[in-house]
């Protein structure tokens, strides 16, 4: 659970109180982060993506969606999907029934996304997206 708490901490720093933010650092693809579902029952969804434009289309490279949980003062962010438009990849950790209840979990993908997120968030920090020098633009 500590790793999910670490993910939540990074997400909170990236959002910096906003609902949708674009962060640019010279030499890297822009990074966008936005709350894509309203908070409810202590949880909501947050999407983070690097992107570029190809033939006029916005291309995610990658986009990850996190389920963000708040239990009192403790926050967790679990990666639940991964998309890379250049690779034609769209992966979901959970399958849901018609009522929206999770019915199946892909444990292998869950572990892969946790590992990928560790590396990606380290790179985001190392590339300066969390620094004062990064250019932040509120989109909400």
Protein backbone atom coordinates (compact mmCIF):
# COMPACT_ATOMS: atom_id res chain seq x y z
CA UNK A 1 0.00 0.00 0.00
CA UNK A 2 2.90 2.39 0.59
CA UNK A 3 3.63 2.47 -3.15
CA UNK A 4 0.01 3.52 -3.85
CA UNK A 5 0.40 6.23 -1.19
CA UNK A 6 3.55 7.40 -2.99
CA UNK A 7 1.65 7.49 -6.31
CA UNK A 8 -1.09 9.60 -4.64
CA UNK A 9 1.52 12.01 -3.31
CA UNK A 10 3.03 12.50 -6.79
CA UNK A 11 -0.42 13.01 -8.33
CA UNK A 12 -1.32 15.58 -5.67
CA UNK A 13 1.91 17.48 -6.38
CA UNK A 14 1.27 17.41 -10.13
CA UNK A 15 -2.31 18.70 -9.75
CA UNK A 16 -1.25 21.33 -7.16
CA UNK A 17 -4.87 21.98 -6.20
CA UNK A 18 -6.17 22.12 -9.78
CA UNK A 19 -8.59 19.87 -11.62
CA UNK A 20 -6.81 19.88 -14.98
CA UNK A 21 -3.21 21.00 -15.53
CA UNK A 22 -0.75 20.98 -18.43
CA UNK A 23 2.91 20.99 -17.45
CA UNK A 24 5.68 21.70 -19.92
CA UNK A 25 9.41 21.24 -19.56
CA UNK A 26 11.75 22.14 -22.39
CA UNK A 27 12.89 19.09 -24.35
CA UNK A 28 10.02 16.81 -23.28
CA UNK A 29 6.47 16.10 -24.43
CA UNK A 30 3.90 18.07 -22.40
CA UNK A 31 2.33 16.29 -19.43
CA UNK A 32 -1.38 16.68 -18.75
CA UNK A 33 -3.16 15.58 -15.61
CA UNK A 34 -6.86 15.90 -14.93
CA UNK A 35 -9.59 14.67 -12.67
CA UNK A 36 -11.95 12.81 -15.02
CA UNK A 37 -14.66 11.86 -12.53
CA UNK A 38 -16.02 13.81 -9.59
CA UNK A 39 -15.07 12.71 -6.09
CA UNK A 40 -17.57 10.30 -4.64
CA UNK A 41 -17.39 7.89 -1.74
CA UNK A 42 -13.80 9.02 -1.18
CA UNK A 43 -12.60 8.08 -4.66
CA UNK A 44 -12.35 9.46 -8.19
CA UNK A 45 -10.43 8.90 -11.42
CA UNK A 46 -7.39 10.88 -12.53
CA UNK A 47 -5.76 10.64 -15.98
CA UNK A 48 -2.12 11.50 -16.65
CA UNK A 49 -0.62 11.58 -20.12
CA UNK A 50 2.26 12.71 -22.24
CA UNK A 51 1.04 13.61 -25.68
CA UNK A 52 2.04 14.84 -29.08
CA UNK A 53 0.22 15.48 -32.35
CA UNK A 54 0.43 13.23 -35.40
CA UNK A 55 -1.46 14.11 -38.58
CA UNK A 56 -3.62 16.50 -36.56
CA UNK A 57 -4.57 13.86 -33.98
CA UNK A 58 -3.73 14.02 -30.29
CA UNK A 59 -1.61 10.95 -29.50
CA UNK A 60 -1.22 9.67 -25.93
CA UNK A 61 2.25 8.34 -25.16
CA UNK A 62 1.26 7.05 -22.64
CA UNK A 63 -1.95 7.81 -20.79
CA UNK A 64 -2.62 6.16 -17.46
CA UNK A 65 -5.78 6.35 -15.40
CA UNK A 66 -5.58 6.07 -11.63
CA UNK A 67 -8.33 5.34 -9.17
CA UNK A 68 -7.67 7.81 -6.37
CA UNK A 69 -8.89 6.81 -2.90
CA UNK A 70 -9.05 9.04 0.18
CA UNK A 71 -9.57 7.45 3.59
CA UNK A 72 -9.28 10.24 6.14
CA UNK A 73 -5.80 11.71 5.83
CA UNK A 74 -4.50 8.70 3.90
CA UNK A 75 -4.59 8.80 0.08
CA UNK A 76 -3.94 6.00 -2.41
CA UNK A 77 -3.69 6.03 -6.20
CA UNK A 78 -4.00 2.71 -8.00
CA UNK A 79 -3.14 2.53 -11.72
CA UNK A 80 -6.09 0.92 -13.50
CA UNK A 81 -5.46 1.49 -17.21
CA UNK A 82 -2.70 2.14 -19.73
CA UNK A 83 -2.99 3.50 -23.26
CA UNK A 84 -0.35 4.24 -25.89
CA UNK A 85 -1.79 5.44 -29.20
CA UNK A 86 1.48 4.97 -31.11
CA UNK A 87 1.52 1.28 -30.12
CA UNK A 88 -2.25 0.78 -30.49
CA UNK A 89 -2.36 -0.39 -26.86
CA UNK A 90 -5.28 0.03 -24.47
CA UNK A 91 -5.18 -2.14 -21.34
CA UNK A 92 -7.60 -2.26 -18.39
CA UNK A 93 -6.85 -3.88 -15.02
CA UNK A 94 -10.53 -4.47 -14.20
CA UNK A 95 -13.56 -5.71 -16.12
CA UNK A 96 -16.94 -4.37 -15.06
CA UNK A 97 -20.51 -5.59 -15.30
CA UNK A 98 -23.43 -3.48 -16.58
CA UNK A 99 -23.90 -1.87 -13.15
CA UNK A 100 -20.26 -0.76 -12.99
CA UNK A 101 -19.15 -3.36 -10.45
CA UNK A 102 -15.68 -4.86 -10.97
CA UNK A 103 -16.05 -8.54 -11.87
CA UNK A 104 -12.50 -9.53 -12.82
CA UNK A 105 -8.97 -8.31 -12.13
CA UNK A 106 -5.97 -8.91 -14.38
CA UNK A 107 -3.35 -9.41 -11.64
CA UNK A 108 -0.44 -9.64 -14.09
CA UNK A 109 -1.34 -6.30 -15.69
CA UNK A 110 -1.91 -4.76 -12.26
CA UNK A 111 1.65 -5.69 -11.26
CA UNK A 112 3.06 -4.45 -14.59
CA UNK A 113 1.31 -1.08 -14.27
CA UNK A 114 2.53 -0.68 -10.70
CA UNK A 115 6.11 -1.30 -11.87
CA UNK A 116 5.74 0.98 -14.90
CA UNK A 117 4.30 3.77 -12.73
CA UNK A 118 7.28 3.61 -10.37
CA UNK A 119 9.64 4.16 -13.29
CA UNK A 120 7.44 6.74 -15.04
CA UNK A 121 6.96 8.87 -11.90
CA UNK A 122 10.72 8.73 -11.22
CA UNK A 123 11.31 9.95 -14.80
CA UNK A 124 8.67 12.69 -14.42
CA UNK A 125 10.49 13.93 -11.32
CA UNK A 126 13.97 13.62 -12.90
CA UNK A 127 12.79 15.47 -16.04
CA UNK A 128 11.64 18.44 -13.94
CA UNK A 129 7.85 18.18 -14.16
CA UNK A 130 7.61 18.60 -10.38
CA UNK A 131 10.12 21.46 -10.21
CA UNK A 132 9.46 25.18 -9.85
CA UNK A 133 10.97 25.71 -13.32
CA UNK A 134 8.23 23.69 -15.05
CA UNK A 135 5.57 25.76 -16.80
CA UNK A 136 2.11 25.02 -15.35
CA UNK A 137 -1.10 25.94 -17.14
CA UNK A 138 -4.47 25.44 -15.45
CA UNK A 139 -6.98 23.92 -17.86
CA UNK A 140 -9.95 24.05 -15.50
